[in-house]
Amino acid sequence: MSSARPPAPAPVAGSRRFLLARRNLLILAAAVLVLVAGYLTLVAGYPSAAAVILVLGYCVLFPLGIAL
């Protein structure tokens, strides 16, 4: 038995595939909104709350949006 697979077809010149699925884009959009909220919280004068919100955006949502 041969375990060789047939070659994959070449991509068509006009077709495009997105690297990220819709779920990824939604999570990344949520990350951007959370970051905006974090910076607005910082400007409002609540640095401790802003730090928590920014960590959530940068350390949780962005990697999650890229990894899934």
N, C-alpha and C. Protein backbone atom coordinates (compact mmCIF):
# COMPACT_ATOMS: atom_id res chain seq x y z
N MET A 1 0.83 -1.18 0.00
CA MET A 1 0.00 0.00 0.00
C MET A 1 0.87 1.24 0.00
N SER A 2 0.50 2.15 -0.79
CA SER A 2 1.22 3.41 -0.87
C SER A 2 0.51 4.44 -0.01
N SER A 3 1.27 5.16 0.78
CA SER A 3 0.68 6.18 1.65
C SER A 3 0.80 7.57 1.03
N ALA A 4 1.19 7.64 -0.23
CA ALA A 4 1.32 8.94 -0.88
C ALA A 4 -0.05 9.51 -1.18
N ARG A 5 -0.23 10.79 -0.86
CA ARG A 5 -1.49 11.45 -1.14
C ARG A 5 -1.38 12.21 -2.45
N PRO A 6 -2.49 12.38 -3.13
CA PRO A 6 -2.44 13.18 -4.35
C PRO A 6 -2.15 14.63 -4.00
N PRO A 7 -1.52 15.37 -4.89
CA PRO A 7 -1.19 16.77 -4.59
C PRO A 7 -2.46 17.60 -4.44
N ALA A 8 -2.38 18.60 -3.58
CA ALA A 8 -3.52 19.49 -3.35
C ALA A 8 -3.70 20.38 -4.57
N PRO A 9 -4.94 20.71 -4.90
CA PRO A 9 -5.16 21.57 -6.05
C PRO A 9 -4.63 22.98 -5.79
N ALA A 10 -4.15 23.61 -6.82
CA ALA A 10 -3.62 24.97 -6.70
C ALA A 10 -4.77 25.94 -6.50
N PRO A 11 -4.57 26.99 -5.68
CA PRO A 11 -5.64 27.95 -5.45
C PRO A 11 -5.94 28.74 -6.72
N VAL A 12 -7.20 29.07 -6.88
CA VAL A 12 -7.62 29.87 -8.03
C VAL A 12 -7.18 31.30 -7.81
N ALA A 13 -6.79 31.97 -8.87
CA ALA A 13 -6.21 33.31 -8.76
C ALA A 13 -7.16 34.30 -8.11
N GLY A 14 -8.45 34.23 -8.36
CA GLY A 14 -9.39 35.21 -7.83
C GLY A 14 -9.98 34.87 -6.48
N SER A 15 -9.76 33.66 -5.97
CA SER A 15 -10.38 33.29 -4.70
C SER A 15 -9.50 33.74 -3.53
N ARG A 16 -10.19 34.15 -2.45
CA ARG A 16 -9.49 34.56 -1.24
C ARG A 16 -10.10 33.82 -0.07
N ARG A 17 -9.25 33.40 0.83
CA ARG A 17 -9.71 32.79 2.07
C ARG A 17 -9.21 33.62 3.23
N PHE A 18 -10.10 33.90 4.16
CA PHE A 18 -9.70 34.65 5.34
C PHE A 18 -8.98 33.71 6.30
N LEU A 19 -7.96 34.23 6.94
CA LEU A 19 -7.22 33.42 7.89
C LEU A 19 -7.98 33.26 9.20
N LEU A 20 -8.84 34.21 9.51
CA LEU A 20 -9.59 34.16 10.75
C LEU A 20 -11.07 33.96 10.46
N ALA A 21 -11.70 33.13 11.25
CA ALA A 21 -13.12 32.86 11.08
C ALA A 21 -13.93 33.99 11.71
N ARG A 22 -15.23 33.93 11.50
CA ARG A 22 -16.12 34.96 12.03
C ARG A 22 -16.03 35.03 13.56
N ARG A 23 -15.94 33.87 14.21
CA ARG A 23 -15.83 33.83 15.67
C ARG A 23 -14.59 34.58 16.13
N ASN A 24 -13.46 34.39 15.44
CA ASN A 24 -12.24 35.09 15.80
C ASN A 24 -12.40 36.60 15.68
N LEU A 25 -13.02 37.02 14.59
CA LEU A 25 -13.20 38.44 14.36
C LEU A 25 -14.12 39.06 15.41
N LEU A 26 -15.14 38.33 15.83
CA LEU A 26 -16.03 38.84 16.88
C LEU A 26 -15.29 38.98 18.22
N ILE A 27 -14.45 38.01 18.54
CA ILE A 27 -13.69 38.09 19.79
C ILE A 27 -12.68 39.23 19.72
N LEU A 28 -12.04 39.42 18.57
CA LEU A 28 -11.10 40.53 18.43
C LEU A 28 -11.81 41.88 18.49
N ALA A 29 -13.01 41.96 17.93
CA ALA A 29 -13.78 43.20 18.02
C ALA A 29 -14.16 43.48 19.48
N ALA A 30 -14.52 42.43 20.21
CA ALA A 30 -14.82 42.60 21.63
C ALA A 30 -13.58 43.05 22.39
N ALA A 31 -12.42 42.53 22.00
CA ALA A 31 -11.17 42.94 22.65
C ALA A 31 -10.91 44.43 22.43
N VAL A 32 -11.16 44.90 21.23
CA VAL A 32 -10.95 46.33 20.95
C VAL A 32 -11.92 47.18 21.78
N LEU A 33 -13.17 46.75 21.87
CA LEU A 33 -14.14 47.49 22.69
C LEU A 33 -13.75 47.50 24.17
N VAL A 34 -13.26 46.37 24.65
CA VAL A 34 -12.82 46.30 26.05
C VAL A 34 -11.62 47.21 26.28
N LEU A 35 -10.71 47.27 25.32
CA LEU A 35 -9.56 48.15 25.47
C LEU A 35 -9.98 49.62 25.47
N VAL A 36 -10.90 49.98 24.61
CA VAL A 36 -11.40 51.36 24.61
C VAL A 36 -12.04 51.67 25.96
N ALA A 37 -12.84 50.74 26.47
CA ALA A 37 -13.47 50.94 27.78
C ALA A 37 -12.41 51.06 28.88
N GLY A 38 -11.34 50.29 28.77
CA GLY A 38 -10.27 50.37 29.76
C GLY A 38 -9.56 51.70 29.75
N TYR A 39 -9.28 52.21 28.56
CA TYR A 39 -8.61 53.51 28.49
C TYR A 39 -9.55 54.65 28.92
N LEU A 40 -10.84 54.53 28.61
CA LEU A 40 -11.79 55.54 29.08
C LEU A 40 -11.91 55.50 30.61
N THR A 41 -11.85 54.31 31.18
CA THR A 41 -11.87 54.17 32.63
C THR A 41 -10.61 54.79 33.24
N LEU A 42 -9.51 54.63 32.59
CA LEU A 42 -8.25 55.23 33.06
C LEU A 42 -8.33 56.74 33.03
N VAL A 43 -8.87 57.28 31.95
CA VAL A 43 -9.00 58.74 31.82
C VAL A 43 -9.98 59.28 32.87
N ALA A 44 -10.99 58.48 33.21
CA ALA A 44 -11.98 58.91 34.19
C ALA A 44 -11.41 58.94 35.61
N GLY A 45 -10.24 58.36 35.82
CA GLY A 45 -9.61 58.45 37.12
C GLY A 45 -9.71 57.21 37.99
N TYR A 46 -9.94 56.07 37.39
CA TYR A 46 -10.02 54.81 38.13
C TYR A 46 -8.92 53.86 37.65
N PRO A 47 -7.69 54.10 38.08
CA PRO A 47 -6.58 53.31 37.53
C PRO A 47 -6.62 51.82 37.87
N SER A 48 -7.12 51.46 39.04
CA SER A 48 -7.16 50.04 39.40
C SER A 48 -8.16 49.28 38.54
N ALA A 49 -9.33 49.85 38.35
CA ALA A 49 -10.34 49.22 37.49
C ALA A 49 -9.85 49.18 36.05
N ALA A 50 -9.20 50.25 35.62
CA ALA A 50 -8.70 50.29 34.25
C ALA A 50 -7.64 49.21 34.02
N ALA A 51 -6.80 48.98 35.02
CA ALA A 51 -5.77 47.95 34.88
C ALA A 51 -6.39 46.57 34.70
N VAL A 52 -7.43 46.29 35.45
CA VAL A 52 -8.11 44.99 35.33
C VAL A 52 -8.74 44.84 33.95
N ILE A 53 -9.40 45.89 33.49
CA ILE A 53 -10.06 45.85 32.19
C ILE A 53 -9.04 45.71 31.06
N LEU A 54 -7.94 46.44 31.14
CA LEU A 54 -6.92 46.37 30.11
C LEU A 54 -6.23 45.01 30.08
N VAL A 55 -5.98 44.43 31.24
CA VAL A 55 -5.39 43.09 31.28
C VAL A 55 -6.35 42.08 30.65
N LEU A 56 -7.64 42.23 30.92
CA LEU A 56 -8.64 41.36 30.30
C LEU A 56 -8.58 41.47 28.78
N GLY A 57 -8.46 42.68 28.28
CA GLY A 57 -8.41 42.87 26.83
C GLY A 57 -7.12 42.35 26.20
N TYR A 58 -5.98 42.73 26.79
CA TYR A 58 -4.70 42.37 26.19
C TYR A 58 -4.28 40.92 26.44
N CYS A 59 -4.54 40.42 27.64
CA CYS A 59 -4.00 39.11 28.02
C CYS A 59 -5.00 37.97 27.87
N VAL A 60 -6.27 38.29 27.71
CA VAL A 60 -7.28 37.23 27.59
C VAL A 60 -7.94 37.26 26.21
N LEU A 61 -8.56 38.38 25.87
CA LEU A 61 -9.37 38.42 24.66
C LEU A 61 -8.54 38.40 23.37
N PHE A 62 -7.47 39.20 23.31
CA PHE A 62 -6.67 39.17 22.08
C PHE A 62 -6.05 37.80 21.81
N PRO A 63 -5.39 37.17 22.76
CA PRO A 63 -4.87 35.82 22.47
C PRO A 63 -5.97 34.81 22.17
N LEU A 64 -7.10 34.93 22.86
CA LEU A 64 -8.21 34.03 22.60
C LEU A 64 -8.75 34.21 21.18
N GLY A 65 -8.84 35.46 20.76
CA GLY A 65 -9.32 35.73 19.40
C GLY A 65 -8.39 35.23 18.32
N ILE A 66 -7.12 35.20 18.61
CA ILE A 66 -6.14 34.70 17.62
C ILE A 66 -6.07 33.17 17.65
N ALA A 67 -6.16 32.60 18.85
CA ALA A 67 -5.94 31.16 18.99
C ALA A 67 -7.11 30.31 18.54
N LEU A 68 -8.32 30.80 18.74
CA LEU A 68 -9.49 29.95 18.41
C LEU A 68 -9.72 29.89 16.96
